């Protein structure tokens, strides 16, 4: 599954420069600077074994663990006893135990009066010089180096490997652009770095282990997203196997993705829980809270400025986007690029569902193409939209729905809906053509009898009130011929919700009827 932020009105100003820059810096640090750390560590561990330092420290470390009663010590002792004699696992266990290393430095393990002290002190000094040559040693954050202020930021650009980096960057590139658009580039950069520092500071307070990784700063970014957007919907591009497209989801729906990454990173750490520096997941809570507070303080004064992915107020953005889409759609139609024109006009009617000219143009370009689903979608949007006043333009559009190509794409329920709409537009002849086509089919007449009779009664009433006795008599003859007894009229009631296959697509049209869905509309379209 792939889920990425999407911006309809993309421009140079909308590019998330800070988010991309952070990801690039993290990549450079990992693949250019940290790339030599593994070989430097390997040389140091090889020196540890070859110099005999392992024979001086590891037996004492084993005895040290045996005296402790905490679960961590028991686990370390078990791993130490089963570690390969020539591998680096044992020294990694020792170096990852901050309490023991502190006791070593304070000379509580090998004391000055110990015969091996002088030799050990020289070897340990050289070993630590080799370890200190790594980027990790200079820039990771730990309680032992809490006074080095740069480490509260630098640790957030280090990572423990490609998987660690990739997981963090995917979440950053998902969440960061939304927060950057809402806060602006400068404020987002300040908030991101401040969130990293806050997460690091909390880690130093609760743990004496070293910490690396952008996860604390990303947790802060997630907290900012929650405050700035809440349940408001944000545009995303999705790709699930072979299905892809764009849509809008509540901003808070992105949080589970961050939590999944947290679980994934935790599983990676769980494979080697006692070896060296680790990412401090407990500190992420601090980053999350810090990010929420920072967003509250730094959020724009005017809510409209923090609209979906930032930019101008929503109304202005919608008008600008509509103008751009309309120009592109007209150009595509002029060049007879029917597929592109159809797609662009569909975007227009989703953006501005009340614009009659867009609905009509969408239907017209769909009729020029070979995509029956597009024809059906355009027709359904017209049939299920509500308009404040019937206009001559709408009347002509609804007359276009009586074309055989449109009727063939629509279920019979929608034929009847069209007939009722035509009656309201006083296009009685067109409505009768649609009704008569159904009346001639005995099965359809039986299934949709109630709706057919209602349509005919509507026409009869309209003609009678207008004094059109001849037309009224024609309708009455149809009623008498097809429905001689009112008590025997059966059939299903008209639906008052769109078919499930198009319900989501029609959701932007606010003038929709409420109510239940008839199970018949879930079937493939019935050919009329």
Protein backbone atom coordinates (compact mmCIF):
# COMPACT_ATOMS: atom_id res chain seq x y z
CA UNK A 1 0.00 0.00 0.00
CA UNK A 2 1.24 3.50 -0.88
CA UNK A 3 -0.36 6.67 0.48
CA UNK A 4 1.09 10.07 -0.36
CA UNK A 5 -0.07 13.67 0.09
CA UNK A 6 -1.64 15.11 -3.04
CA UNK A 7 -2.20 18.71 -3.99
CA UNK A 8 -4.63 19.65 -6.72
CA UNK A 9 -3.24 23.17 -7.29
CA UNK A 10 0.42 22.18 -7.33
CA UNK A 11 2.85 25.04 -7.88
CA UNK A 12 6.39 25.99 -6.96
CA UNK A 13 5.10 27.61 -3.77
CA UNK A 14 3.28 24.44 -2.74
CA UNK A 15 6.37 22.19 -2.88
CA UNK A 16 7.22 21.00 0.69
CA UNK A 17 10.79 22.27 0.50
CA UNK A 18 11.61 21.84 4.20
CA UNK A 19 10.21 18.30 4.37
CA UNK A 20 12.16 17.22 1.30
CA UNK A 21 15.31 18.94 2.56
CA UNK A 22 15.12 17.10 5.90
CA UNK A 23 14.76 13.77 4.10
CA UNK A 24 17.72 14.58 1.85
CA UNK A 25 19.93 15.62 4.78
CA UNK A 26 19.08 12.39 6.62
CA UNK A 27 19.93 10.40 3.50
CA UNK A 28 23.27 12.20 3.07
CA UNK A 29 24.19 11.66 6.71
CA UNK A 30 23.34 7.95 6.56
CA UNK A 31 24.78 7.02 3.19
CA UNK A 32 27.72 9.44 3.00
CA UNK A 33 28.89 10.04 6.57
CA UNK A 34 27.59 7.08 8.58
CA UNK A 35 28.51 4.60 5.85
CA UNK A 36 32.00 4.24 7.33
CA UNK A 37 30.78 3.70 10.89
CA UNK A 38 30.28 -0.05 10.42
CA UNK A 39 33.86 -0.60 9.26
CA UNK A 40 35.19 1.63 12.05
CA UNK A 41 33.23 -0.34 14.63
CA UNK A 42 34.45 -3.59 13.13
CA UNK A 43 38.07 -2.46 13.41
CA UNK A 44 37.49 -1.42 17.01
CA UNK A 45 35.90 -4.76 17.92
CA UNK A 46 38.69 -6.65 16.20
CA UNK A 47 41.21 -4.64 18.23
CA UNK A 48 39.19 -5.45 21.36
CA UNK A 49 39.68 -9.17 20.78
CA UNK A 50 43.25 -9.12 19.46
CA UNK A 51 44.58 -6.81 22.17
CA UNK A 52 43.30 -9.09 24.94
CA UNK A 53 40.92 -6.49 26.29
CA UNK A 54 38.14 -9.05 26.08
CA UNK A 55 39.97 -11.33 28.53
CA UNK A 56 40.23 -8.45 31.01
CA UNK A 57 36.65 -7.12 30.82
CA UNK A 58 34.25 -9.89 29.76
CA UNK A 59 34.84 -12.22 32.76
CA UNK A 60 34.34 -9.25 35.08
CA UNK A 61 31.24 -8.23 33.15
CA UNK A 62 29.84 -11.76 33.50
CA UNK A 63 30.42 -11.68 37.26
CA UNK A 64 28.88 -8.21 37.40
CA UNK A 65 25.72 -9.45 35.69
CA UNK A 66 25.52 -12.51 37.93
CA UNK A 67 25.39 -10.25 41.01
CA UNK A 68 22.45 -8.24 39.64
CA UNK A 69 18.88 -9.47 40.02
CA UNK A 70 17.01 -7.35 37.47
CA UNK A 71 15.50 -9.00 34.32
CA UNK A 72 17.74 -6.97 32.01
CA UNK A 73 20.86 -8.35 33.68
CA UNK A 74 19.52 -11.92 33.45
CA UNK A 75 18.83 -11.51 29.76
CA UNK A 76 22.26 -10.00 29.15
CA UNK A 77 23.95 -12.78 31.08
CA UNK A 78 22.14 -15.41 29.04
CA UNK A 79 23.15 -13.74 25.77
CA UNK A 80 26.73 -13.24 26.93
CA UNK A 81 27.12 -16.90 27.85
CA UNK A 82 25.81 -17.94 24.42
CA UNK A 83 27.69 -15.34 22.38
CA UNK A 84 30.34 -16.65 19.92
CA UNK A 85 33.83 -16.44 21.34
CA UNK A 86 35.18 -14.65 18.25
CA UNK A 87 32.19 -12.50 17.43
CA UNK A 88 31.34 -8.90 18.22
CA UNK A 89 28.09 -9.74 20.06
CA UNK A 90 29.73 -9.92 23.48
CA UNK A 91 31.46 -6.55 23.28
CA UNK A 92 28.27 -4.98 21.87
CA UNK A 93 26.39 -6.28 24.90
CA UNK A 94 29.01 -4.81 27.21
CA UNK A 95 29.13 -1.45 25.42
CA UNK A 96 25.35 -1.31 25.38
CA UNK A 97 25.19 -1.57 29.18
CA UNK A 98 25.53 2.07 30.22
CA UNK A 99 25.68 1.19 33.93
CA UNK A 100 28.64 -1.14 33.52
CA UNK A 101 30.52 1.24 31.20
CA UNK A 102 30.05 4.01 33.76
CA UNK A 103 31.47 1.75 36.48
CA UNK A 104 34.43 0.99 34.21
CA UNK A 105 35.16 4.68 33.72
CA UNK A 106 34.87 5.36 37.44
CA UNK A 107 37.30 2.50 38.11
CA UNK A 108 34.91 0.48 40.20
CA UNK A 109 35.35 -2.67 38.09
CA UNK A 110 39.13 -2.69 37.58
CA UNK A 111 40.64 -0.63 40.37
CA UNK A 112 43.97 1.12 40.40
CA UNK A 113 45.45 -1.43 42.80
CA UNK A 114 44.56 -4.24 40.41
CA UNK A 115 47.73 -5.72 38.74
CA UNK A 116 46.03 -5.49 35.35
CA UNK A 117 44.98 -1.86 35.79
CA UNK A 118 47.80 -0.20 33.84
CA UNK A 119 47.52 -2.56 30.90
CA UNK A 120 43.72 -2.35 30.92
CA UNK A 121 43.70 1.46 31.11
CA UNK A 122 45.93 1.77 28.05
CA UNK A 123 43.96 -0.75 26.01
CA UNK A 124 40.60 0.68 27.01
CA UNK A 125 41.75 4.20 26.10
CA UNK A 126 42.81 3.08 22.64
CA UNK A 127 39.60 1.13 22.12
CA UNK A 128 37.45 4.13 23.03
CA UNK A 129 39.46 6.37 20.70
CA UNK A 130 38.58 4.02 17.87
CA UNK A 131 34.89 4.01 18.85
CA UNK A 132 34.89 7.80 19.12
CA UNK A 133 35.97 8.09 15.49
CA UNK A 134 32.42 7.22 14.36
CA UNK A 135 29.79 9.78 13.40
CA UNK A 136 27.43 8.08 15.83
CA UNK A 137 29.78 8.72 18.76
CA UNK A 138 30.10 12.42 17.94
CA UNK A 139 26.44 13.20 17.33
CA UNK A 140 24.22 10.67 19.15
CA UNK A 141 22.44 11.91 22.27
CA UNK A 142 22.85 10.30 25.68
CA UNK A 143 22.81 11.29 29.32
CA UNK A 144 26.61 11.04 29.41
CA UNK A 145 26.80 13.83 26.80
CA UNK A 146 23.77 15.84 27.90
CA UNK A 147 25.91 18.97 28.12
CA UNK A 148 26.65 18.92 24.36
CA UNK A 149 23.75 21.05 23.17
CA UNK A 150 24.20 20.29 19.47
CA UNK A 151 23.38 16.64 20.14
CA UNK A 152 19.75 17.53 20.92
CA UNK A 153 19.37 18.25 17.19
CA UNK A 154 22.11 16.19 15.54
CA UNK A 155 20.81 12.85 16.85
CA UNK A 156 17.61 13.36 14.84
CA UNK A 157 19.57 13.18 11.56
CA UNK A 158 21.30 9.88 12.39
CA UNK A 159 19.82 6.45 11.74
CA UNK A 160 20.69 2.91 12.66
CA UNK A 161 20.42 1.54 9.12
CA UNK A 162 18.51 1.68 5.86
CA UNK A 163 15.31 0.13 7.27
CA UNK A 164 15.27 2.57 10.18
CA UNK A 165 15.83 5.53 7.84
CA UNK A 166 13.30 4.38 5.24
CA UNK A 167 10.50 3.86 7.75
CA UNK A 168 11.02 7.30 9.26
CA UNK A 169 11.26 9.07 5.90
CA UNK A 170 8.07 7.48 4.57
CA UNK A 171 6.11 8.83 7.53
CA UNK A 172 7.83 12.22 7.29
CA UNK A 173 7.03 12.55 3.58
CA UNK A 174 3.43 11.57 4.30
CA UNK A 175 2.75 13.90 7.22
CA UNK A 176 5.32 16.68 6.78
CA UNK A 177 3.87 18.36 3.66
CA UNK A 178 0.51 18.92 5.33
CA UNK A 179 2.07 20.48 8.43
CA UNK A 180 4.52 22.54 6.37
CA UNK A 181 1.67 23.89 4.22
CA UNK A 182 -0.35 24.86 7.29
CA UNK A 183 2.48 26.46 9.28
CA UNK A 184 4.66 27.78 6.47
CA UNK A 185 8.21 26.71 5.76
CA UNK A 186 10.02 28.78 8.39
CA UNK A 187 7.67 27.96 11.26
CA UNK A 188 7.58 24.29 10.32
CA UNK A 189 11.38 24.09 10.37
CA UNK A 190 11.47 25.74 13.79
CA UNK A 191 8.73 23.45 15.10
CA UNK A 192 10.39 20.32 13.69
CA UNK A 193 13.75 21.08 15.28
CA UNK A 194 12.13 22.13 18.55
CA UNK A 195 10.13 18.87 18.58
CA UNK A 196 13.35 16.90 18.05
CA UNK A 197 15.03 18.73 20.93
CA UNK A 198 12.04 18.19 23.24
CA UNK A 199 11.90 14.46 22.47
CA UNK A 200 15.65 14.18 23.05
CA UNK A 201 15.47 16.07 26.32
CA UNK A 202 12.74 13.78 27.63
CA UNK A 203 14.80 10.76 26.62
CA UNK A 204 17.80 12.02 28.57
CA UNK A 205 15.58 12.42 31.63
CA UNK A 206 14.20 8.88 31.53
CA UNK A 207 17.05 6.81 30.06
CA UNK A 208 20.82 6.62 30.12
CA UNK A 209 21.06 4.85 26.74
CA UNK A 210 22.15 6.64 23.57
CA UNK A 211 19.42 7.67 21.11
CA UNK A 212 19.44 8.28 17.36
CA UNK A 213 16.79 8.73 14.68
CA UNK A 214 14.23 11.23 13.40
CA UNK A 215 11.36 9.40 15.13
CA UNK A 216 11.09 11.91 17.97
CA UNK A 217 10.85 14.85 15.56
CA UNK A 218 8.38 12.92 13.39
CA UNK A 219 6.26 12.18 16.46
CA UNK A 220 6.21 15.94 17.02
CA UNK A 221 5.12 16.44 13.40
CA UNK A 222 2.27 13.98 13.91
CA UNK A 223 1.20 15.96 16.98
CA UNK A 224 1.22 19.13 14.86
CA UNK A 225 -0.95 17.46 12.23
CA UNK A 226 -3.53 16.46 14.83
CA UNK A 227 -3.81 20.02 16.18
CA UNK A 228 -3.74 21.82 12.82
CA UNK A 229 -6.17 19.60 10.92
CA UNK A 230 -8.03 17.36 13.37
CA UNK A 231 -10.81 15.54 11.54
CA UNK A 232 -10.68 17.81 8.50
CA UNK A 233 -10.13 15.94 5.26
CA UNK A 234 -6.85 16.23 3.40
CA UNK A 235 -6.12 15.15 -0.20
CA UNK A 236 -4.02 12.04 -0.73
CA UNK A 237 -2.85 9.83 -3.58
CA UNK A 238 -3.41 6.13 -2.83
CA UNK A 239 -2.08 2.99 -4.46
CA UNK A 240 -3.23 -0.43 -3.25
CA UNK A 241 -1.99 -3.24 -5.51
CA UNK A 242 -3.45 -2.32 -8.92
CA UNK A 243 -5.94 0.26 -7.62
CA UNK A 244 -4.81 3.87 -7.47
CA UNK A 245 -6.30 7.33 -7.49
CA UNK A 246 -6.83 10.42 -5.38
CA UNK A 247 -9.24 11.17 -2.58
CA UNK A 248 -9.68 12.89 0.75
CA UNK A 249 -9.37 11.34 4.18
CA UNK A 250 -9.55 12.79 7.71
CA UNK A 251 -6.11 13.99 8.77
CA UNK A 252 -6.29 11.92 11.95
CA UNK A 253 -6.55 8.80 9.77
CA UNK A 254 -2.83 9.25 9.05
CA UNK A 255 -1.97 8.55 12.70
CA UNK A 256 -2.38 4.76 12.43
CA UNK A 257 0.24 4.80 9.67
CA UNK A 258 2.68 6.42 12.09
CA UNK A 259 1.76 3.88 14.74
CA UNK A 260 2.37 1.04 12.28
CA UNK A 261 5.83 2.43 11.58
CA UNK A 262 6.45 2.63 15.32
CA UNK A 263 5.55 -1.02 15.63
CA UNK A 264 7.76 -1.93 12.69
CA UNK A 265 10.74 -0.07 14.16
CA UNK A 266 10.09 -1.68 17.52
CA UNK A 267 10.17 -5.11 15.88
CA UNK A 268 13.53 -4.30 14.31
CA UNK A 269 14.91 -3.25 17.68
CA UNK A 270 13.42 -6.32 19.37
CA UNK A 271 15.69 -8.54 17.30
CA UNK A 272 18.72 -7.06 19.10
CA UNK A 273 17.30 -5.32 22.18
CA UNK A 274 20.53 -5.21 24.21
CA UNK A 275 23.13 -4.23 21.62
CA UNK A 276 24.34 -0.64 21.50
CA UNK A 277 22.33 2.50 20.91
CA UNK A 278 18.62 2.21 20.25
CA UNK A 279 15.79 4.46 19.25
CA UNK A 280 13.94 5.63 22.36
CA UNK A 281 10.29 4.94 21.62
CA UNK A 282 9.19 6.07 25.06
CA UNK A 283 10.45 9.59 24.25
CA UNK A 284 8.13 9.75 21.26
CA UNK A 285 5.27 10.51 23.60
CA UNK A 286 7.17 13.62 24.61
CA UNK A 287 7.71 14.53 20.96
CA UNK A 288 4.00 14.04 20.23
CA UNK A 289 2.97 16.31 23.09
CA UNK A 290 5.65 18.89 22.26
CA UNK A 291 4.53 18.96 18.62
CA UNK A 292 0.91 19.51 19.60
CA UNK A 293 1.89 22.41 21.89
CA UNK A 294 4.18 23.93 19.26
CA UNK A 295 1.44 23.76 16.63
CA UNK A 296 -0.97 25.45 19.02
CA UNK A 297 1.49 28.29 19.59
CA UNK A 298 2.68 28.66 15.98
CA UNK A 299 -0.59 28.02 14.16
CA UNK A 300 -1.74 30.80 11.78
CA UNK A 301 -3.96 33.42 13.33
CA UNK A 302 -6.57 32.99 10.57
CA UNK A 303 -7.95 29.45 10.27
CA UNK A 304 -8.46 29.86 6.53
CA UNK A 305 -4.73 30.17 6.04
CA UNK A 306 -4.25 26.66 7.36
CA UNK A 307 -6.65 25.09 4.87
CA UNK A 308 -6.03 21.72 3.32
CA UNK A 309 -2.39 21.82 2.38
CA UNK A 310 -2.21 25.54 3.12
CA UNK A 311 -2.52 28.26 0.49
CA UNK A 312 -5.29 30.83 0.06
CA UNK A 313 -8.75 30.62 1.68
CA UNK A 314 -10.77 27.59 0.54
CA UNK A 315 -13.18 29.61 -1.60
CA UNK A 316 -10.38 31.34 -3.51
CA UNK A 317 -8.51 28.06 -3.97
CA UNK A 318 -11.65 26.35 -5.30
CA UNK A 319 -12.30 29.11 -7.82
CA UNK A 320 -8.70 29.12 -9.02
CA UNK A 321 -8.68 25.35 -9.34
CA UNK A 322 -12.02 25.35 -11.15
CA UNK A 323 -10.81 27.94 -13.67
CA UNK A 324 -7.65 25.95 -14.34
CA UNK A 325 -9.54 22.66 -14.76
CA UNK A 326 -12.14 24.27 -17.02
CA UNK A 327 -9.44 25.67 -19.31
CA UNK A 328 -7.68 22.31 -19.48
CA UNK A 329 -10.95 20.46 -20.12
CA UNK A 330 -11.99 22.83 -22.92
CA UNK A 331 -8.58 22.52 -24.52
CA UNK A 332 -8.71 18.71 -24.35
CA UNK A 333 -12.23 18.68 -25.84
CA UNK A 334 -11.14 21.02 -28.67
CA UNK A 335 -8.30 18.62 -29.51
CA UNK A 336 -10.76 15.68 -29.32
CA UNK A 337 -8.79 14.14 -26.47
CA UNK A 338 -12.03 12.66 -25.15
CA UNK A 339 -10.58 10.53 -22.34
CA UNK A 340 -8.68 13.45 -20.82
CA UNK A 341 -11.58 15.86 -21.30
CA UNK A 342 -13.95 13.39 -19.61
CA UNK A 343 -11.60 13.00 -16.65
CA UNK A 344 -11.14 16.77 -16.27
CA UNK A 345 -14.87 17.51 -16.48
CA UNK A 346 -15.52 14.86 -13.83
CA UNK A 347 -13.03 16.62 -11.56
CA UNK A 348 -14.87 19.89 -12.24
CA UNK A 349 -18.28 18.53 -11.25
CA UNK A 350 -16.75 17.02 -8.10
CA UNK A 351 -15.22 20.40 -7.27
CA UNK A 352 -18.31 22.48 -8.14
CA UNK A 353 -21.32 20.11 -8.21
CA UNK A 354 -23.86 22.91 -8.61
CA UNK A 355 -22.47 24.29 -11.90
CA UNK A 356 -24.94 23.36 -14.62
CA UNK A 357 -22.51 24.05 -17.46
CA UNK A 358 -19.97 21.61 -16.00
CA UNK A 359 -22.57 18.85 -15.62
CA UNK A 360 -23.75 19.36 -19.19
CA UNK A 361 -20.22 19.43 -20.59
CA UNK A 362 -19.33 16.27 -18.66
CA UNK A 363 -22.30 14.44 -20.19
CA UNK A 364 -21.54 15.71 -23.70
CA UNK A 365 -17.87 14.67 -23.73
CA UNK A 366 -18.76 11.32 -22.13
CA UNK A 367 -21.24 10.70 -24.97
CA UNK A 368 -18.46 11.33 -27.48
CA UNK A 369 -16.33 8.57 -25.99
CA UNK A 370 -16.69 4.83 -25.68
CA UNK A 371 -16.64 4.65 -21.88
CA UNK A 372 -20.12 3.54 -20.78
CA UNK A 373 -19.22 3.99 -17.11
CA UNK A 374 -18.45 7.67 -17.72
CA UNK A 375 -21.81 8.12 -19.46
CA UNK A 376 -23.57 6.44 -16.54
CA UNK A 377 -21.66 8.52 -13.98
CA UNK A 378 -22.47 11.80 -15.77
CA UNK A 379 -26.15 10.89 -16.08
CA UNK A 380 -26.45 9.80 -12.46
CA UNK A 381 -24.88 13.03 -11.22
CA UNK A 382 -27.51 14.98 -13.13
CA UNK A 383 -30.40 12.78 -12.01
CA UNK A 384 -29.43 12.88 -8.33
CA UNK A 385 -28.48 16.55 -8.10
CA UNK A 386 -31.02 19.07 -6.89
CA UNK A 387 -31.28 22.48 -8.52
CA UNK A 388 -32.88 25.52 -6.97
CA UNK A 389 -34.67 26.64 -10.15
CA UNK A 390 -35.32 24.77 -13.41
CA UNK A 391 -33.64 26.57 -16.27
CA UNK A 392 -33.85 26.27 -20.02
CA UNK A 393 -30.25 25.05 -20.04
CA UNK A 394 -31.13 22.25 -17.61
CA UNK A 395 -34.17 21.33 -19.67
CA UNK A 396 -31.98 20.81 -22.73
CA UNK A 397 -29.49 18.76 -20.72
CA UNK A 398 -32.21 16.46 -19.40
CA UNK A 399 -33.59 16.03 -22.90
CA UNK A 400 -30.11 14.79 -23.82
CA UNK A 401 -30.49 12.03 -21.25
CA UNK A 402 -33.21 10.42 -23.39
CA UNK A 403 -30.64 9.38 -25.99
CA UNK A 404 -30.45 5.58 -26.45
CA UNK A 405 -26.76 5.53 -25.44
CA UNK A 406 -27.63 7.10 -22.07
CA UNK A 407 -30.70 4.96 -21.42
CA UNK A 408 -28.73 1.83 -22.24
CA UNK A 409 -26.20 2.71 -19.51
CA UNK A 410 -28.83 3.41 -16.83
CA UNK A 411 -30.84 1.02 -14.60
CA UNK A 412 -34.61 1.07 -15.09
CA UNK A 413 -35.02 2.91 -11.78
CA UNK A 414 -33.12 5.81 -13.29
CA UNK A 415 -35.28 5.75 -16.44
CA UNK A 416 -38.25 6.43 -14.21
CA UNK A 417 -36.38 9.12 -12.31
CA UNK A 418 -35.60 10.75 -15.64
CA UNK A 419 -39.25 10.58 -16.65
CA UNK A 420 -40.29 12.33 -13.42
CA UNK A 421 -37.65 15.02 -14.02
CA UNK A 422 -38.89 15.54 -17.61
CA UNK A 423 -42.47 15.95 -16.34
CA UNK A 424 -41.27 18.75 -14.05
CA UNK A 425 -39.58 20.41 -17.01
CA UNK A 426 -42.89 20.09 -18.95
CA UNK A 427 -41.18 17.88 -21.51
CA UNK A 428 -44.18 15.57 -21.56
CA UNK A 429 -43.52 13.99 -24.94
CA UNK A 430 -40.00 12.99 -23.96
CA UNK A 431 -41.23 11.66 -20.62
CA UNK A 432 -43.89 9.57 -22.37
CA UNK A 433 -41.31 8.06 -24.74
CA UNK A 434 -39.32 6.85 -21.75
CA UNK A 435 -42.42 5.56 -19.96
CA UNK A 436 -43.88 3.84 -23.04
CA UNK A 437 -40.63 1.94 -23.63
CA UNK A 438 -41.00 0.40 -20.16
CA UNK A 439 -44.77 -0.16 -20.45
CA UNK A 440 -44.26 -2.31 -23.54
CA UNK A 441 -42.21 -4.82 -21.52
CA UNK A 442 -44.61 -6.92 -19.42
CA UNK A 443 -41.98 -7.96 -16.88
CA UNK A 444 -40.77 -4.39 -16.34
CA UNK A 445 -44.38 -3.14 -16.20
CA UNK A 446 -45.11 -5.61 -13.43
CA UNK A 447 -41.93 -4.86 -11.49
CA UNK A 448 -42.19 -1.06 -11.71
CA UNK A 449 -45.99 -0.72 -11.86
CA UNK A 450 -46.31 1.65 -8.91
CA UNK A 451 -43.70 4.04 -10.27
CA UNK A 452 -45.09 3.94 -13.81
CA UNK A 453 -48.60 4.65 -12.54
CA UNK A 454 -47.32 7.55 -10.43
CA UNK A 455 -45.59 9.10 -13.45
CA UNK A 456 -48.73 8.76 -15.58
CA UNK A 457 -50.91 10.21 -12.82
CA UNK A 458 -48.54 13.16 -12.57
CA UNK A 459 -48.92 13.83 -16.26
CA UNK A 460 -52.70 13.38 -16.11
CA UNK A 461 -52.99 15.86 -13.23
CA UNK A 462 -50.79 18.43 -14.98
CA UNK A 463 -52.78 18.19 -18.21
CA UNK A 464 -56.12 18.40 -16.41
CA UNK A 465 -55.13 21.51 -14.46
CA UNK A 466 -53.90 23.16 -17.64
CA UNK A 467 -57.12 22.37 -19.50
CA UNK A 468 -55.38 20.08 -21.98
CA UNK A 469 -58.19 17.58 -22.14
CA UNK A 470 -56.99 15.73 -25.24
CA UNK A 471 -53.57 15.02 -23.73
CA UNK A 472 -55.18 14.10 -20.41
CA UNK A 473 -57.42 11.59 -22.17
CA UNK A 474 -54.39 9.96 -23.83
CA UNK A 475 -52.78 9.47 -20.45
CA UNK A 476 -56.04 8.16 -19.00
CA UNK A 477 -56.27 5.57 -21.76
CA UNK A 478 -52.83 4.29 -20.90
CA UNK A 479 -53.79 4.00 -17.23
CA UNK A 480 -56.98 2.15 -18.12
CA UNK A 481 -55.17 -0.18 -20.51
CA UNK A 482 -52.17 -1.09 -18.39
CA UNK A 483 -53.56 -0.58 -14.85
CA UNK A 484 -57.32 -1.26 -14.96
CA UNK A 485 -57.55 -1.72 -11.20
CA UNK A 486 -55.71 0.52 -8.78
CA UNK A 487 -55.75 -2.17 -6.11
CA UNK A 488 -53.80 -4.55 -8.31
CA UNK A 489 -50.91 -2.20 -9.00
CA UNK A 490 -47.76 -3.64 -7.44
CA UNK A 491 -44.06 -3.25 -7.89
CA UNK A 492 -41.25 -1.67 -5.97
CA UNK A 493 -41.16 1.84 -4.59
CA UNK A 494 -38.69 4.35 -6.07
CA UNK A 495 -35.27 4.46 -4.48
CA UNK A 496 -34.22 7.57 -2.58
CA UNK A 497 -30.47 7.02 -2.54
CA UNK A 498 -27.98 6.50 -5.39
CA UNK A 499 -26.72 3.01 -6.23
CA UNK A 500 -23.85 1.94 -3.91
CA UNK A 501 -21.46 1.85 -6.86
CA UNK A 502 -21.74 5.62 -7.29
CA UNK A 503 -22.67 6.75 -3.79
CA UNK A 504 -19.10 7.74 -2.91
CA UNK A 505 -18.60 9.59 -6.16
CA UNK A 506 -21.82 11.53 -5.65
CA UNK A 507 -21.07 12.46 -2.04
CA UNK A 508 -19.70 15.94 -2.91
CA UNK A 509 -23.21 16.88 -4.18
CA UNK A 510 -24.72 18.33 -1.03
CA UNK A 511 -28.26 18.51 -2.41
CA UNK A 512 -28.81 14.75 -2.08
CA UNK A 513 -31.90 13.04 -0.76
CA UNK A 514 -31.61 11.14 2.50
CA UNK A 515 -32.94 7.69 3.19
CA UNK A 516 -32.36 3.99 2.68
CA UNK A 517 -30.87 2.18 -0.29
CA UNK A 518 -32.84 -0.37 -2.30
CA UNK A 519 -30.98 -3.64 -2.67
CA UNK A 520 -31.89 -3.84 -6.36
CA UNK A 521 -29.56 -1.00 -7.26
CA UNK A 522 -26.54 -3.08 -6.29
CA UNK A 523 -27.08 -5.20 -9.43
CA UNK A 524 -25.33 -4.46 -12.74
CA UNK A 525 -27.27 -1.85 -14.79
CA UNK A 526 -30.38 -3.22 -16.43
CA UNK A 527 -30.42 -2.46 -20.14
CA UNK A 528 -33.39 -0.26 -21.07
